[in-house]
Each structure stands twice: as structure tokens, then as C-alpha cells.
């Protein structure tokens, strides 16, 4: 059974590592780091990274 994604605003911002990866154009690695950091699902981590990429 799938769980409902959490509200992205409730998740922490990407770590310094995730932000550095994002700045260097490594979006997938940044999503992976975000998932490790806060235990987010793939969808949740993708939304967090997309929110901070803009």
C-alpha cells in the first residue's frame, strides 16, 4: 500500500552536500543525498530539490 507523500514544506532543506551537488548540475545525486538525509521518498526528495533548484 502506498503512503501519501508528506508536505514538502515540512521536510528540511537540502544539506550543504545536496546544495553543492545541485549547483554542480548533479540533480540525481542531490536527490539521493536528500533521501539519505531525511528519509524522504523519491517523490518527496525530488520535490524538495526542485523547490530549491529554482
PDB file of N, CA and C in Angstrom:
ATOM      1  N   UNK A   1       0.837  -1.170   0.000  1.00  0.00           N
ATOM      2  CA  UNK A   1       0.000   0.000   0.000  1.00  0.00           C
ATOM      3  C   UNK A   1       0.891   1.245   0.000  1.00  0.00           C
ATOM      4  N   UNK A   2       0.594   2.181  -0.849  1.00  0.00           N
ATOM      5  CA  UNK A   2       1.381   3.391  -0.938  1.00  0.00           C
ATOM      6  C   UNK A   2       1.019   4.358   0.168  1.00  0.00           C
ATOM      7  N   UNK A   3       2.032   5.071   0.642  1.00  0.00           N
ATOM      8  CA  UNK A   3       1.756   6.094   1.631  1.00  0.00           C
ATOM      9  C   UNK A   3       1.640   7.436   0.927  1.00  0.00           C
ATOM     10  N   UNK A   4       0.895   8.304   1.516  1.00  0.00           N
ATOM     11  CA  UNK A   4       0.682   9.628   0.948  1.00  0.00           C
ATOM     12  C   UNK A   4       1.955  10.456   1.155  1.00  0.00           C
ATOM     13  N   UNK A   5       2.447  11.142   0.103  1.00  0.00           N
ATOM     14  CA  UNK A   5       3.643  11.973   0.278  1.00  0.00           C
ATOM     15  C   UNK A   5       3.414  13.066   1.310  1.00  0.00           C
ATOM     16  N   UNK A   6       4.447  13.328   2.104  1.00  0.00           N
ATOM     17  CA  UNK A   6       4.374  14.393   3.089  1.00  0.00           C
ATOM     18  C   UNK A   6       4.383  15.746   2.387  1.00  0.00           C
ATOM     19  N   UNK A   7       3.946  16.746   3.101  1.00  0.00           N
ATOM     20  CA  UNK A   7       4.026  18.104   2.598  1.00  0.00           C
ATOM     21  C   UNK A   7       5.503  18.469   2.504  1.00  0.00           C
ATOM     22  N   UNK A   8       5.933  18.919   1.339  1.00  0.00           N
ATOM     23  CA  UNK A   8       7.347  19.204   1.112  1.00  0.00           C
ATOM     24  C   UNK A   8       7.854  20.311   2.026  1.00  0.00           C
ATOM     25  N   UNK A   9       7.000  21.249   2.369  1.00  0.00           N
ATOM     26  CA  UNK A   9       7.444  22.335   3.245  1.00  0.00           C
ATOM     27  C   UNK A   9       7.782  21.830   4.647  1.00  0.00           C
ATOM     28  N   UNK A  10       7.283  20.647   5.008  1.00  0.00           N
ATOM     29  CA  UNK A  10       7.584  20.080   6.325  1.00  0.00           C
ATOM     30  C   UNK A  10       8.946  19.386   6.338  1.00  0.00           C
ATOM     31  N   UNK A  11       9.510  19.113   5.167  1.00  0.00           N
ATOM     32  CA  UNK A  11      10.803  18.447   5.094  1.00  0.00           C
ATOM     33  C   UNK A  11      11.926  19.473   5.202  1.00  0.00           C
ATOM     34  N   UNK A  12      13.071  19.064   5.736  1.00  0.00           N
ATOM     35  CA  UNK A  12      14.183  20.016   5.859  1.00  0.00           C
ATOM     36  C   UNK A  12      14.755  20.384   4.498  1.00  0.00           C
ATOM     37  N   UNK A  13      15.416  21.521   4.431  1.00  0.00           N
ATOM     38  CA  UNK A  13      16.087  21.949   3.208  1.00  0.00           C
ATOM     39  C   UNK A  13      17.248  20.991   2.928  1.00  0.00           C
ATOM     40  N   UNK A  14      17.679  20.917   1.691  1.00  0.00           N
ATOM     41  CA  UNK A  14      18.824  20.047   1.386  1.00  0.00           C
ATOM     42  C   UNK A  14      20.055  20.447   2.194  1.00  0.00           C
ATOM     43  N   UNK A  15      20.870  19.460   2.507  1.00  0.00           N
ATOM     44  CA  UNK A  15      22.101  19.723   3.248  1.00  0.00           C
ATOM     45  C   UNK A  15      23.079  20.484   2.358  1.00  0.00           C
ATOM     46  N   UNK A  16      24.195  20.898   2.944  1.00  0.00           N
ATOM     47  CA  UNK A  16      25.229  21.585   2.168  1.00  0.00           C
ATOM     48  C   UNK A  16      25.723  20.696   1.036  1.00  0.00           C
ATOM     49  N   UNK A  17      25.822  19.398   1.313  1.00  0.00           N
ATOM     50  CA  UNK A  17      26.240  18.439   0.282  1.00  0.00           C
ATOM     51  C   UNK A  17      25.237  18.434  -0.865  1.00  0.00           C
ATOM     52  N   UNK A  18      23.958  18.380  -0.537  1.00  0.00           N
ATOM     53  CA  UNK A  18      22.923  18.367  -1.563  1.00  0.00           C
ATOM     54  C   UNK A  18      22.903  19.648  -2.373  1.00  0.00           C
ATOM     55  N   UNK A  19      23.099  20.784  -1.709  1.00  0.00           N
ATOM     56  CA  UNK A  19      23.127  22.065  -2.416  1.00  0.00           C
ATOM     57  C   UNK A  19      24.322  22.146  -3.348  1.00  0.00           C
ATOM     58  N   UNK A  20      25.476  21.642  -2.903  1.00  0.00           N
ATOM     59  CA  UNK A  20      26.675  21.653  -3.745  1.00  0.00           C
ATOM     60  C   UNK A  20      26.478  20.766  -4.969  1.00  0.00           C
ATOM     61  N   UNK A  21      25.871  19.618  -4.767  1.00  0.00           N
ATOM     62  CA  UNK A  21      25.592  18.721  -5.892  1.00  0.00           C
ATOM     63  C   UNK A  21      24.644  19.378  -6.884  1.00  0.00           C
ATOM     64  N   UNK A  22      23.658  20.045  -6.370  1.00  0.00           N
ATOM     65  CA  UNK A  22      22.679  20.723  -7.223  1.00  0.00           C
ATOM     66  C   UNK A  22      23.340  21.844  -8.017  1.00  0.00           C
ATOM     67  N   UNK A  23      24.197  22.619  -7.370  1.00  0.00           N
ATOM     68  CA  UNK A  23      24.898  23.712  -8.070  1.00  0.00           C
ATOM     69  C   UNK A  23      25.808  23.184  -9.172  1.00  0.00           C
ATOM     70  N   UNK A  24      26.370  21.994  -8.973  1.00  0.00           N
ATOM     71  CA  UNK A  24      27.273  21.430  -9.970  1.00  0.00           C
ATOM     72  C   UNK A  24      26.523  20.667 -11.067  1.00  0.00           C
ATOM     73  N   UNK A  25      25.189  20.708 -11.010  1.00  0.00           N
ATOM     74  CA  UNK A  25      24.385  20.076 -12.059  1.00  0.00           C
ATOM     75  C   UNK A  25      24.101  18.606 -11.847  1.00  0.00           C
ATOM     76  N   UNK A  26      24.370  18.094 -10.670  1.00  0.00           N
ATOM     77  CA  UNK A  26      24.156  16.661 -10.388  1.00  0.00           C
ATOM     78  C   UNK A  26      22.852  16.478  -9.622  1.00  0.00           C
ATOM     79  N   UNK A  27      21.742  16.680 -10.308  1.00  0.00           N
ATOM     80  CA  UNK A  27      20.420  16.664  -9.680  1.00  0.00           C
ATOM     81  C   UNK A  27      20.090  15.305  -9.072  1.00  0.00           C
ATOM     82  N   UNK A  28      20.390  14.237  -9.777  1.00  0.00           N
ATOM     83  CA  UNK A  28      20.069  12.899  -9.264  1.00  0.00           C
ATOM     84  C   UNK A  28      20.846  12.610  -7.985  1.00  0.00           C
ATOM     85  N   UNK A  29      22.113  12.993  -7.960  1.00  0.00           N
ATOM     86  CA  UNK A  29      22.917  12.795  -6.751  1.00  0.00           C
ATOM     87  C   UNK A  29      22.380  13.655  -5.605  1.00  0.00           C
ATOM     88  N   UNK A  30      21.887  14.853  -5.925  1.00  0.00           N
ATOM     89  CA  UNK A  30      21.305  15.720  -4.897  1.00  0.00           C
ATOM     90  C   UNK A  30      20.031  15.092  -4.333  1.00  0.00           C
ATOM     91  N   UNK A  31      19.219  14.500  -5.189  1.00  0.00           N
ATOM     92  CA  UNK A  31      18.003  13.816  -4.728  1.00  0.00           C
ATOM     93  C   UNK A  31      18.378  12.641  -3.837  1.00  0.00           C
ATOM     94  N   UNK A  32      19.387  11.900  -4.232  1.00  0.00           N
ATOM     95  CA  UNK A  32      19.851  10.751  -3.443  1.00  0.00           C
ATOM     96  C   UNK A  32      20.332  11.208  -2.063  1.00  0.00           C
ATOM     97  N   UNK A  33      21.077  12.316  -2.024  1.00  0.00           N
ATOM     98  CA  UNK A  33      21.566  12.853  -0.745  1.00  0.00           C
ATOM     99  C   UNK A  33      20.403  13.306   0.129  1.00  0.00           C
ATOM    100  N   UNK A  34      19.400  13.917  -0.486  1.00  0.00           N
ATOM    101  CA  UNK A  34      18.215  14.371   0.253  1.00  0.00           C
ATOM    102  C   UNK A  34      17.472  13.177   0.852  1.00  0.00           C
ATOM    103  N   UNK A  35      17.361  12.110   0.087  1.00  0.00           N
ATOM    104  CA  UNK A  35      16.681  10.914   0.594  1.00  0.00           C
ATOM    105  C   UNK A  35      17.420  10.335   1.792  1.00  0.00           C
ATOM    106  N   UNK A  36      18.755  10.297   1.719  1.00  0.00           N
ATOM    107  CA  UNK A  36      19.560   9.795   2.841  1.00  0.00           C
ATOM    108  C   UNK A  36      19.416  10.683   4.059  1.00  0.00           C
ATOM    109  N   UNK A  37      19.409  11.985   3.831  1.00  0.00           N
ATOM    110  CA  UNK A  37      19.387  12.955   4.923  1.00  0.00           C
ATOM    111  C   UNK A  37      18.097  12.881   5.732  1.00  0.00           C
ATOM    112  N   UNK A  38      16.938  12.867   5.051  1.00  0.00           N
ATOM    113  CA  UNK A  38      15.684  12.999   5.797  1.00  0.00           C
ATOM    114  C   UNK A  38      14.745  11.801   5.652  1.00  0.00           C
ATOM    115  N   UNK A  39      15.170  10.747   4.964  1.00  0.00           N
ATOM    116  CA  UNK A  39      14.338   9.566   4.845  1.00  0.00           C
ATOM    117  C   UNK A  39      13.116   9.786   3.974  1.00  0.00           C
ATOM    118  N   UNK A  40      13.218  10.700   3.026  1.00  0.00           N
ATOM    119  CA  UNK A  40      12.089  11.028   2.149  1.00  0.00           C
ATOM    120  C   UNK A  40      11.951   9.980   1.056  1.00  0.00           C
ATOM    121  N   UNK A  41      10.757   9.884   0.510  1.00  0.00           N
ATOM    122  CA  UNK A  41      10.547   9.022  -0.648  1.00  0.00           C
ATOM    123  C   UNK A  41      11.174   9.688  -1.863  1.00  0.00           C
ATOM    124  N   UNK A  42      11.232   8.986  -2.964  1.00  0.00           N
ATOM    125  CA  UNK A  42      11.796   9.551  -4.191  1.00  0.00           C
ATOM    126  C   UNK A  42      11.004  10.779  -4.634  1.00  0.00           C
ATOM    127  N   UNK A  43       9.696  10.697  -4.586  1.00  0.00           N
ATOM    128  CA  UNK A  43       8.843  11.817  -4.985  1.00  0.00           C
ATOM    129  C   UNK A  43       9.059  13.025  -4.074  1.00  0.00           C
ATOM    130  N   UNK A  44       9.103  12.788  -2.782  1.00  0.00           N
ATOM    131  CA  UNK A  44       9.304  13.878  -1.824  1.00  0.00           C
ATOM    132  C   UNK A  44      10.662  14.546  -2.025  1.00  0.00           C
ATOM    133  N   UNK A  45      11.709  13.732  -2.166  1.00  0.00           N
ATOM    134  CA  UNK A  45      13.055  14.285  -2.358  1.00  0.00           C
ATOM    135  C   UNK A  45      13.138  15.066  -3.661  1.00  0.00           C
ATOM    136  N   UNK A  46      12.507  14.556  -4.700  1.00  0.00           N
ATOM    137  CA  UNK A  46      12.500  15.256  -5.984  1.00  0.00           C
ATOM    138  C   UNK A  46      11.828  16.615  -5.851  1.00  0.00           C
ATOM    139  N   UNK A  47      10.747  16.680  -5.118  1.00  0.00           N
ATOM    140  CA  UNK A  47      10.045  17.948  -4.915  1.00  0.00           C
ATOM    141  C   UNK A  47      10.881  18.926  -4.101  1.00  0.00           C
ATOM    142  N   UNK A  48      11.589  18.431  -3.083  1.00  0.00           N
ATOM    143  CA  UNK A  48      12.455  19.300  -2.265  1.00  0.00           C
ATOM    144  C   UNK A  48      13.550  19.894  -3.136  1.00  0.00           C
ATOM    145  N   UNK A  49      14.200  19.061  -3.924  1.00  0.00           N
ATOM    146  CA  UNK A  49      15.294  19.512  -4.772  1.00  0.00           C
ATOM    147  C   UNK A  49      14.769  20.472  -5.841  1.00  0.00           C
ATOM    148  N   UNK A  50      13.642  20.171  -6.421  1.00  0.00           N
ATOM    149  CA  UNK A  50      13.055  21.063  -7.436  1.00  0.00           C
ATOM    150  C   UNK A  50      12.715  22.420  -6.829  1.00  0.00           C
ATOM    151  N   UNK A  51      12.239  22.414  -5.595  1.00  0.00           N
ATOM    152  CA  UNK A  51      11.894  23.676  -4.926  1.00  0.00           C
ATOM    153  C   UNK A  51      13.127  24.525  -4.703  1.00  0.00           C
ATOM    154  N   UNK A  52      14.267  23.901  -4.418  1.00  0.00           N
ATOM    155  CA  UNK A  52      15.491  24.645  -4.145  1.00  0.00           C
ATOM    156  C   UNK A  52      16.304  24.909  -5.401  1.00  0.00           C
ATOM    157  N   UNK A  53      15.977  24.256  -6.496  1.00  0.00           N
ATOM    158  CA  UNK A  53      16.699  24.475  -7.754  1.00  0.00           C
ATOM    159  C   UNK A  53      16.265  25.770  -8.422  1.00  0.00           C
ATOM    160  N   UNK A  54      15.062  26.196  -8.150  1.00  0.00           N
ATOM    161  CA  UNK A  54      14.545  27.398  -8.817  1.00  0.00           C
ATOM    162  C   UNK A  54      15.071  28.668  -8.210  1.00  0.00           C
TER     163      UNK A  54
END
